[in-house]
ModelCIF file with pLDDT and N, C-alpha, C, O atoms, coordinates in Angstrom:
data_MODEL
#
_entry.id   MODEL 
#
_entity.id                         1 
_entity.type                       polymer 
_entity.pdbx_number_of_molecules   1 
#
_entity_poly.entity_id                      1 
_entity_poly.type                           'polypeptide(L)' 
_entity_poly.nstd_linkage                   no 
_entity_poly.nstd_monomer                   no 
_entity_poly.pdbx_seq_one_letter_code       LRMMHVVFVAAVVLFLFAGGAQAQSGGTMQKGMLLDGAK 
_entity_poly.pdbx_seq_one_letter_code_can   LRMMHVVFVAAVVLFLFAGGAQAQSGGTMQKGMLLDGAK 
_entity_poly.pdbx_strand_id                 A 
#
loop_
_entity_poly_seq.entity_id 
_entity_poly_seq.num 
_entity_poly_seq.mon_id 
_entity_poly_seq.hetero 
1 1  LEU n 
1 2  ARG n 
1 3  MET n 
1 4  MET n 
1 5  HIS n 
1 6  VAL n 
1 7  VAL n 
1 8  PHE n 
1 9  VAL n 
1 10 ALA n 
1 11 ALA n 
1 12 VAL n 
1 13 VAL n 
1 14 LEU n 
1 15 PHE n 
1 16 LEU n 
1 17 PHE n 
1 18 ALA n 
1 19 GLY n 
1 20 GLY n 
1 21 ALA n 
1 22 GLN n 
1 23 ALA n 
1 24 GLN n 
1 25 SER n 
1 26 GLY n 
1 27 GLY n 
1 28 THR n 
1 29 MET n 
1 30 GLN n 
1 31 LYS n 
1 32 GLY n 
1 33 MET n 
1 34 LEU n 
1 35 LEU n 
1 36 ASP n 
1 37 GLY n 
1 38 ALA n 
1 39 LYS n 
#
_struct_asym.id          A 
_struct_asym.entity_id   1 
#
loop_
_ma_qa_metric.id 
_ma_qa_metric.mode 
_ma_qa_metric.name 
_ma_qa_metric.software_group_id 
_ma_qa_metric.type 
1 global pLDDT . pLDDT 
2 local  pLDDT . pLDDT 
#
_ma_qa_metric_global.metric_id      1 
_ma_qa_metric_global.metric_value   62.79 
_ma_qa_metric_global.model_id       1 
_ma_qa_metric_global.ordinal_id     1 
#
loop_
_ma_qa_metric_local.label_asym_id 
_ma_qa_metric_local.label_comp_id 
_ma_qa_metric_local.label_seq_id 
_ma_qa_metric_local.metric_id 
_ma_qa_metric_local.metric_value 
_ma_qa_metric_local.model_id 
_ma_qa_metric_local.ordinal_id 
A LEU 1  2 41.00 1 1  
A ARG 2  2 43.00 1 2  
A MET 3  2 40.00 1 3  
A MET 4  2 45.00 1 4  
A HIS 5  2 47.00 1 5  
A VAL 6  2 43.00 1 6  
A VAL 7  2 45.00 1 7  
A PHE 8  2 48.00 1 8  
A VAL 9  2 46.00 1 9  
A ALA 10 2 44.00 1 10 
A ALA 11 2 47.00 1 11 
A VAL 12 2 46.00 1 12 
A VAL 13 2 41.00 1 13 
A LEU 14 2 44.00 1 14 
A PHE 15 2 44.00 1 15 
A LEU 16 2 46.00 1 16 
A PHE 17 2 37.00 1 17 
A ALA 18 2 41.00 1 18 
A GLY 19 2 40.00 1 19 
A GLY 20 2 42.00 1 20 
A ALA 21 2 40.00 1 21 
A GLN 22 2 41.00 1 22 
A ALA 23 2 40.00 1 23 
A GLN 24 2 54.00 1 24 
A SER 25 2 63.00 1 25 
A GLY 26 2 80.00 1 26 
A GLY 27 2 92.00 1 27 
A THR 28 2 96.00 1 28 
A MET 29 2 97.00 1 29 
A GLN 30 2 97.00 1 30 
A LYS 31 2 98.00 1 31 
A GLY 32 2 98.00 1 32 
A MET 33 2 98.00 1 33 
A LEU 34 2 98.00 1 34 
A LEU 35 2 97.00 1 35 
A ASP 36 2 97.00 1 36 
A GLY 37 2 97.00 1 37 
A ALA 38 2 98.00 1 38 
A LYS 39 2 98.00 1 39 
#
loop_
_atom_site.group_PDB 
_atom_site.id 
_atom_site.type_symbol 
_atom_site.label_atom_id 
_atom_site.label_alt_id 
_atom_site.label_comp_id 
_atom_site.label_asym_id 
_atom_site.label_entity_id 
_atom_site.label_seq_id 
_atom_site.pdbx_PDB_ins_code 
_atom_site.Cartn_x 
_atom_site.Cartn_y 
_atom_site.Cartn_z 
_atom_site.occupancy 
_atom_site.B_iso_or_equiv 
_atom_site.pdbx_formal_charge 
_atom_site.auth_seq_id 
_atom_site.auth_comp_id 
_atom_site.auth_asym_id 
_atom_site.auth_atom_id 
_atom_site.pdbx_PDB_model_num 
ATOM 1   N N  . LEU A 1 1  ? 0.827   -1.190 0.000   1.00 41.00 ? 1  LEU A N  1 
ATOM 2   C CA . LEU A 1 1  ? 0.000   0.000  0.000   1.00 41.00 ? 1  LEU A CA 1 
ATOM 3   C C  . LEU A 1 1  ? 0.868   1.248  0.000   1.00 41.00 ? 1  LEU A C  1 
ATOM 4   O O  . LEU A 1 1  ? 0.559   2.213  -0.699  1.00 41.00 ? 1  LEU A O  1 
ATOM 5   N N  . ARG A 1 2  ? 1.939   1.247  0.764   1.00 43.00 ? 2  ARG A N  1 
ATOM 6   C CA . ARG A 1 2  ? 2.830   2.398  0.805   1.00 43.00 ? 2  ARG A CA 1 
ATOM 7   C C  . ARG A 1 2  ? 3.426   2.665  -0.572  1.00 43.00 ? 2  ARG A C  1 
ATOM 8   O O  . ARG A 1 2  ? 3.516   3.817  -0.997  1.00 43.00 ? 2  ARG A O  1 
ATOM 9   N N  . MET A 1 3  ? 3.831   1.608  -1.269  1.00 40.00 ? 3  MET A N  1 
ATOM 10  C CA . MET A 1 3  ? 4.389   1.788  -2.603  1.00 40.00 ? 3  MET A CA 1 
ATOM 11  C C  . MET A 1 3  ? 3.325   2.318  -3.560  1.00 40.00 ? 3  MET A C  1 
ATOM 12  O O  . MET A 1 3  ? 3.615   3.174  -4.397  1.00 40.00 ? 3  MET A O  1 
ATOM 13  N N  . MET A 1 4  ? 2.098   1.817  -3.442  1.00 45.00 ? 4  MET A N  1 
ATOM 14  C CA . MET A 1 4  ? 1.041   2.293  -4.316  1.00 45.00 ? 4  MET A CA 1 
ATOM 15  C C  . MET A 1 4  ? 0.778   3.775  -4.069  1.00 45.00 ? 4  MET A C  1 
ATOM 16  O O  . MET A 1 4  ? 0.548   4.533  -5.010  1.00 45.00 ? 4  MET A O  1 
ATOM 17  N N  . HIS A 1 5  ? 0.812   4.186  -2.800  1.00 47.00 ? 5  HIS A N  1 
ATOM 18  C CA . HIS A 1 5  ? 0.590   5.590  -2.481  1.00 47.00 ? 5  HIS A CA 1 
ATOM 19  C C  . HIS A 1 5  ? 1.704   6.450  -3.068  1.00 47.00 ? 5  HIS A C  1 
ATOM 20  O O  . HIS A 1 5  ? 1.441   7.538  -3.582  1.00 47.00 ? 5  HIS A O  1 
ATOM 21  N N  . VAL A 1 6  ? 2.937   5.977  -2.996  1.00 43.00 ? 6  VAL A N  1 
ATOM 22  C CA . VAL A 1 6  ? 4.055   6.712  -3.575  1.00 43.00 ? 6  VAL A CA 1 
ATOM 23  C C  . VAL A 1 6  ? 3.867   6.872  -5.076  1.00 43.00 ? 6  VAL A C  1 
ATOM 24  O O  . VAL A 1 6  ? 4.134   7.936  -5.635  1.00 43.00 ? 6  VAL A O  1 
ATOM 25  N N  . VAL A 1 7  ? 3.402   5.801  -5.727  1.00 45.00 ? 7  VAL A N  1 
ATOM 26  C CA . VAL A 1 7  ? 3.160   5.866  -7.164  1.00 45.00 ? 7  VAL A CA 1 
ATOM 27  C C  . VAL A 1 7  ? 2.101   6.911  -7.487  1.00 45.00 ? 7  VAL A C  1 
ATOM 28  O O  . VAL A 1 7  ? 2.262   7.679  -8.435  1.00 45.00 ? 7  VAL A O  1 
ATOM 29  N N  . PHE A 1 8  ? 1.022   6.952  -6.713  1.00 48.00 ? 8  PHE A N  1 
ATOM 30  C CA . PHE A 1 8  ? -0.031  7.925  -6.964  1.00 48.00 ? 8  PHE A CA 1 
ATOM 31  C C  . PHE A 1 8  ? 0.485   9.343  -6.782  1.00 48.00 ? 8  PHE A C  1 
ATOM 32  O O  . PHE A 1 8  ? 0.208   10.215 -7.605  1.00 48.00 ? 8  PHE A O  1 
ATOM 33  N N  . VAL A 1 9  ? 1.238   9.583  -5.703  1.00 46.00 ? 9  VAL A N  1 
ATOM 34  C CA . VAL A 1 9  ? 1.768   10.922 -5.460  1.00 46.00 ? 9  VAL A CA 1 
ATOM 35  C C  . VAL A 1 9  ? 2.739   11.316 -6.559  1.00 46.00 ? 9  VAL A C  1 
ATOM 36  O O  . VAL A 1 9  ? 2.707   12.445 -7.048  1.00 46.00 ? 9  VAL A O  1 
ATOM 37  N N  . ALA A 1 10 ? 3.611   10.376 -6.950  1.00 44.00 ? 10 ALA A N  1 
ATOM 38  C CA . ALA A 1 10 ? 4.550   10.670 -8.036  1.00 44.00 ? 10 ALA A CA 1 
ATOM 39  C C  . ALA A 1 10 ? 3.806   10.978 -9.323  1.00 44.00 ? 10 ALA A C  1 
ATOM 40  O O  . ALA A 1 10 ? 4.208   11.853 -10.090 1.00 44.00 ? 10 ALA A O  1 
ATOM 41  N N  . ALA A 1 11 ? 2.723   10.258 -9.554  1.00 47.00 ? 11 ALA A N  1 
ATOM 42  C CA . ALA A 1 11 ? 1.948   10.481 -10.776 1.00 47.00 ? 11 ALA A CA 1 
ATOM 43  C C  . ALA A 1 11 ? 1.342   11.866 -10.799 1.00 47.00 ? 11 ALA A C  1 
ATOM 44  O O  . ALA A 1 11 ? 1.308   12.510 -11.847 1.00 47.00 ? 11 ALA A O  1 
ATOM 45  N N  . VAL A 1 12 ? 0.855   12.341 -9.645  1.00 46.00 ? 12 VAL A N  1 
ATOM 46  C CA . VAL A 1 12 ? 0.246   13.666 -9.653  1.00 46.00 ? 12 VAL A CA 1 
ATOM 47  C C  . VAL A 1 12 ? 1.285   14.745 -9.893  1.00 46.00 ? 12 VAL A C  1 
ATOM 48  O O  . VAL A 1 12 ? 0.997   15.748 -10.545 1.00 46.00 ? 12 VAL A O  1 
ATOM 49  N N  . VAL A 1 13 ? 2.492   14.554 -9.373  1.00 41.00 ? 13 VAL A N  1 
ATOM 50  C CA . VAL A 1 13 ? 3.556   15.523 -9.622  1.00 41.00 ? 13 VAL A CA 1 
ATOM 51  C C  . VAL A 1 13 ? 3.884   15.579 -11.113 1.00 41.00 ? 13 VAL A C  1 
ATOM 52  O O  . VAL A 1 13 ? 4.007   16.660 -11.688 1.00 41.00 ? 13 VAL A O  1 
ATOM 53  N N  . LEU A 1 14 ? 4.025   14.405 -11.736 1.00 44.00 ? 14 LEU A N  1 
ATOM 54  C CA . LEU A 1 14 ? 4.305   14.358 -13.168 1.00 44.00 ? 14 LEU A CA 1 
ATOM 55  C C  . LEU A 1 14 ? 3.140   14.909 -13.973 1.00 44.00 ? 14 LEU A C  1 
ATOM 56  O O  . LEU A 1 14 ? 3.337   15.613 -14.964 1.00 44.00 ? 14 LEU A O  1 
ATOM 57  N N  . PHE A 1 15 ? 1.930   14.589 -13.546 1.00 44.00 ? 15 PHE A N  1 
ATOM 58  C CA . PHE A 1 15 ? 0.728   15.054 -14.234 1.00 44.00 ? 15 PHE A CA 1 
ATOM 59  C C  . PHE A 1 15 ? 0.684   16.573 -14.258 1.00 44.00 ? 15 PHE A C  1 
ATOM 60  O O  . PHE A 1 15 ? 0.429   17.173 -15.302 1.00 44.00 ? 15 PHE A O  1 
ATOM 61  N N  . LEU A 1 16 ? 0.931   17.194 -13.116 1.00 46.00 ? 16 LEU A N  1 
ATOM 62  C CA . LEU A 1 16 ? 0.883   18.647 -13.045 1.00 46.00 ? 16 LEU A CA 1 
ATOM 63  C C  . LEU A 1 16 ? 2.023   19.275 -13.832 1.00 46.00 ? 16 LEU A C  1 
ATOM 64  O O  . LEU A 1 16 ? 1.841   20.303 -14.485 1.00 46.00 ? 16 LEU A O  1 
ATOM 65  N N  . PHE A 1 17 ? 3.187   18.664 -13.772 1.00 37.00 ? 17 PHE A N  1 
ATOM 66  C CA . PHE A 1 17 ? 4.345   19.198 -14.470 1.00 37.00 ? 17 PHE A CA 1 
ATOM 67  C C  . PHE A 1 17 ? 4.180   19.089 -15.977 1.00 37.00 ? 17 PHE A C  1 
ATOM 68  O O  . PHE A 1 17 ? 4.596   19.968 -16.731 1.00 37.00 ? 17 PHE A O  1 
ATOM 69  N N  . ALA A 1 18 ? 3.553   17.970 -16.405 1.00 41.00 ? 18 ALA A N  1 
ATOM 70  C CA . ALA A 1 18 ? 3.448   17.716 -17.840 1.00 41.00 ? 18 ALA A CA 1 
ATOM 71  C C  . ALA A 1 18 ? 2.238   18.367 -18.474 1.00 41.00 ? 18 ALA A C  1 
ATOM 72  O O  . ALA A 1 18 ? 2.115   18.370 -19.699 1.00 41.00 ? 18 ALA A O  1 
ATOM 73  N N  . GLY A 1 19 ? 1.350   18.913 -17.679 1.00 40.00 ? 19 GLY A N  1 
ATOM 74  C CA . GLY A 1 19 ? 0.198   19.585 -18.245 1.00 40.00 ? 19 GLY A CA 1 
ATOM 75  C C  . GLY A 1 19 ? -0.964  18.671 -18.529 1.00 40.00 ? 19 GLY A C  1 
ATOM 76  O O  . GLY A 1 19 ? -1.767  18.959 -19.416 1.00 40.00 ? 19 GLY A O  1 
ATOM 77  N N  . GLY A 1 20 ? -1.083  17.571 -17.802 1.00 42.00 ? 20 GLY A N  1 
ATOM 78  C CA . GLY A 1 20 ? -2.278  16.730 -17.887 1.00 42.00 ? 20 GLY A CA 1 
ATOM 79  C C  . GLY A 1 20 ? -2.413  16.023 -19.198 1.00 42.00 ? 20 GLY A C  1 
ATOM 80  O O  . GLY A 1 20 ? -1.661  15.089 -19.476 1.00 42.00 ? 20 GLY A O  1 
ATOM 81  N N  . ALA A 1 21 ? -3.366  16.447 -20.030 1.00 40.00 ? 21 ALA A N  1 
ATOM 82  C CA . ALA A 1 21 ? -3.707  15.713 -21.242 1.00 40.00 ? 21 ALA A CA 1 
ATOM 83  C C  . ALA A 1 21 ? -2.540  15.642 -22.211 1.00 40.00 ? 21 ALA A C  1 
ATOM 84  O O  . ALA A 1 21 ? -2.416  14.669 -22.955 1.00 40.00 ? 21 ALA A O  1 
ATOM 85  N N  . GLN A 1 22 ? -1.676  16.664 -22.215 1.00 41.00 ? 22 GLN A N  1 
ATOM 86  C CA . GLN A 1 22 ? -0.545  16.642 -23.135 1.00 41.00 ? 22 GLN A CA 1 
ATOM 87  C C  . GLN A 1 22 ? 0.379   15.464 -22.861 1.00 41.00 ? 22 GLN A C  1 
ATOM 88  O O  . GLN A 1 22 ? 1.105   15.013 -23.747 1.00 41.00 ? 22 GLN A O  1 
ATOM 89  N N  . ALA A 1 23 ? 0.346   14.969 -21.625 1.00 40.00 ? 23 ALA A N  1 
ATOM 90  C CA . ALA A 1 23 ? 1.229   13.861 -21.269 1.00 40.00 ? 23 ALA A CA 1 
ATOM 91  C C  . ALA A 1 23 ? 0.778   12.555 -21.883 1.00 40.00 ? 23 ALA A C  1 
ATOM 92  O O  . ALA A 1 23 ? 1.494   11.557 -21.803 1.00 40.00 ? 23 ALA A O  1 
ATOM 93  N N  . GLN A 1 24 ? -0.415  12.537 -22.506 1.00 54.00 ? 24 GLN A N  1 
ATOM 94  C CA . GLN A 1 24 ? -0.948  11.288 -23.010 1.00 54.00 ? 24 GLN A CA 1 
ATOM 95  C C  . GLN A 1 24 ? -0.630  11.032 -24.478 1.00 54.00 ? 24 GLN A C  1 
ATOM 96  O O  . GLN A 1 24 ? -1.277  10.198 -25.111 1.00 54.00 ? 24 GLN A O  1 
ATOM 97  N N  . SER A 1 25 ? 0.339   11.727 -25.019 1.00 63.00 ? 25 SER A N  1 
ATOM 98  C CA . SER A 1 25 ? 0.727   11.437 -26.392 1.00 63.00 ? 25 SER A CA 1 
ATOM 99  C C  . SER A 1 25 ? 1.185   9.987  -26.480 1.00 63.00 ? 25 SER A C  1 
ATOM 100 O O  . SER A 1 25 ? 1.913   9.505  -25.612 1.00 63.00 ? 25 SER A O  1 
ATOM 101 N N  . GLY A 1 26 ? 0.759   9.301  -27.521 1.00 80.00 ? 26 GLY A N  1 
ATOM 102 C CA . GLY A 1 26 ? 1.081   7.888  -27.659 1.00 80.00 ? 26 GLY A CA 1 
ATOM 103 C C  . GLY A 1 26 ? -0.024  6.980  -27.207 1.00 80.00 ? 26 GLY A C  1 
ATOM 104 O O  . GLY A 1 26 ? 0.015   5.780  -27.479 1.00 80.00 ? 26 GLY A O  1 
ATOM 105 N N  . GLY A 1 27 ? -1.040  7.531  -26.504 1.00 92.00 ? 27 GLY A N  1 
ATOM 106 C CA . GLY A 1 27 ? -2.179  6.740  -26.108 1.00 92.00 ? 27 GLY A CA 1 
ATOM 107 C C  . GLY A 1 27 ? -3.159  6.580  -27.268 1.00 92.00 ? 27 GLY A C  1 
ATOM 108 O O  . GLY A 1 27 ? -2.950  7.123  -28.352 1.00 92.00 ? 27 GLY A O  1 
ATOM 109 N N  . THR A 1 28 ? -4.222  5.833  -27.026 1.00 96.00 ? 28 THR A N  1 
ATOM 110 C CA . THR A 1 28 ? -5.224  5.562  -28.056 1.00 96.00 ? 28 THR A CA 1 
ATOM 111 C C  . THR A 1 28 ? -6.585  6.066  -27.598 1.00 96.00 ? 28 THR A C  1 
ATOM 112 O O  . THR A 1 28 ? -7.026  5.796  -26.481 1.00 96.00 ? 28 THR A O  1 
ATOM 113 N N  . MET A 1 29 ? -7.240  6.805  -28.490 1.00 97.00 ? 29 MET A N  1 
ATOM 114 C CA . MET A 1 29 ? -8.611  7.233  -28.250 1.00 97.00 ? 29 MET A CA 1 
ATOM 115 C C  . MET A 1 29 ? -9.485  6.658  -29.358 1.00 97.00 ? 29 MET A C  1 
ATOM 116 O O  . MET A 1 29 ? -9.202  6.837  -30.542 1.00 97.00 ? 29 MET A O  1 
ATOM 117 N N  . GLN A 1 30 ? -10.550 5.966  -28.960 1.00 97.00 ? 30 GLN A N  1 
ATOM 118 C CA . GLN A 1 30 ? -11.457 5.362  -29.927 1.00 97.00 ? 30 GLN A CA 1 
ATOM 119 C C  . GLN A 1 30 ? -12.857 5.891  -29.678 1.00 97.00 ? 30 GLN A C  1 
ATOM 120 O O  . GLN A 1 30 ? -13.374 5.782  -28.566 1.00 97.00 ? 30 GLN A O  1 
ATOM 121 N N  . LYS A 1 31 ? -13.477 6.464  -30.706 1.00 98.00 ? 31 LYS A N  1 
ATOM 122 C CA . LYS A 1 31 ? -14.854 6.935  -30.628 1.00 98.00 ? 31 LYS A CA 1 
ATOM 123 C C  . LYS A 1 31 ? -15.690 6.184  -31.646 1.00 98.00 ? 31 LYS A C  1 
ATOM 124 O O  . LYS A 1 31 ? -15.186 5.751  -32.682 1.00 98.00 ? 31 LYS A O  1 
ATOM 125 N N  . GLY A 1 32 ? -16.970 6.034  -31.344 1.00 98.00 ? 32 GLY A N  1 
ATOM 126 C CA . GLY A 1 32 ? -17.837 5.343  -32.284 1.00 98.00 ? 32 GLY A CA 1 
ATOM 127 C C  . GLY A 1 32 ? -19.277 5.393  -31.848 1.00 98.00 ? 32 GLY A C  1 
ATOM 128 O O  . GLY A 1 32 ? -19.642 6.118  -30.923 1.00 98.00 ? 32 GLY A O  1 
ATOM 129 N N  . MET A 1 33 ? -20.092 4.610  -32.531 1.00 98.00 ? 33 MET A N  1 
ATOM 130 C CA . MET A 1 33 ? -21.521 4.584  -32.248 1.00 98.00 ? 33 MET A CA 1 
ATOM 131 C C  . MET A 1 33 ? -21.990 3.143  -32.147 1.00 98.00 ? 33 MET A C  1 
ATOM 132 O O  . MET A 1 33 ? -21.602 2.294  -32.949 1.00 98.00 ? 33 MET A O  1 
ATOM 133 N N  . LEU A 1 34 ? -22.835 2.875  -31.147 1.00 98.00 ? 34 LEU A N  1 
ATOM 134 C CA . LEU A 1 34 ? -23.414 1.555  -30.981 1.00 98.00 ? 34 LEU A CA 1 
ATOM 135 C C  . LEU A 1 34 ? -24.606 1.387  -31.917 1.00 98.00 ? 34 LEU A C  1 
ATOM 136 O O  . LEU A 1 34 ? -25.052 2.350  -32.540 1.00 98.00 ? 34 LEU A O  1 
ATOM 137 N N  . LEU A 1 35 ? -25.114 0.177  -32.012 1.00 97.00 ? 35 LEU A N  1 
ATOM 138 C CA . LEU A 1 35 ? -26.197 -0.107 -32.945 1.00 97.00 ? 35 LEU A CA 1 
ATOM 139 C C  . LEU A 1 35 ? -27.463 0.681  -32.631 1.00 97.00 ? 35 LEU A C  1 
ATOM 140 O O  . LEU A 1 35 ? -28.240 0.985  -33.535 1.00 97.00 ? 35 LEU A O  1 
ATOM 141 N N  . ASP A 1 36 ? -27.682 1.020  -31.344 1.00 97.00 ? 36 ASP A N  1 
ATOM 142 C CA . ASP A 1 36 ? -28.889 1.758  -30.982 1.00 97.00 ? 36 ASP A CA 1 
ATOM 143 C C  . ASP A 1 36 ? -28.711 3.266  -31.053 1.00 97.00 ? 36 ASP A C  1 
ATOM 144 O O  . ASP A 1 36 ? -29.604 4.021  -30.669 1.00 97.00 ? 36 ASP A O  1 
ATOM 145 N N  . GLY A 1 37 ? -27.548 3.709  -31.547 1.00 97.00 ? 37 GLY A N  1 
ATOM 146 C CA . GLY A 1 37 ? -27.303 5.133  -31.706 1.00 97.00 ? 37 GLY A CA 1 
ATOM 147 C C  . GLY A 1 37 ? -26.530 5.775  -30.585 1.00 97.00 ? 37 GLY A C  1 
ATOM 148 O O  . GLY A 1 37 ? -26.151 6.941  -30.695 1.00 97.00 ? 37 GLY A O  1 
ATOM 149 N N  . ALA A 1 38 ? -26.283 5.060  -29.515 1.00 98.00 ? 38 ALA A N  1 
ATOM 150 C CA . ALA A 1 38 ? -25.474 5.607  -28.433 1.00 98.00 ? 38 ALA A CA 1 
ATOM 151 C C  . ALA A 1 38 ? -24.038 5.785  -28.899 1.00 98.00 ? 38 ALA A C  1 
ATOM 152 O O  . ALA A 1 38 ? -23.512 4.960  -29.646 1.00 98.00 ? 38 ALA A O  1 
ATOM 153 N N  . LYS A 1 39 ? -23.411 6.859  -28.457 1.00 98.00 ? 39 LYS A N  1 
ATOM 154 C CA . LYS A 1 39 ? -22.001 7.094  -28.770 1.00 98.00 ? 39 LYS A CA 1 
ATOM 155 C C  . LYS A 1 39 ? -21.138 6.500  -27.658 1.00 98.00 ? 39 LYS A C  1 
ATOM 156 O O  . LYS A 1 39 ? -19.911 6.584  -27.717 1.00 98.00 ? 39 LYS A O  1 
#
């Protein structure tokens, strides 16, 4: 648990430093529509 907490805290520091969404370059975003019209 202590290690997991350290990871979370480290992640927030990196997240704030990197500007949040900009840090997600290289990830995948998939959008689409279901058969009933839901997105």
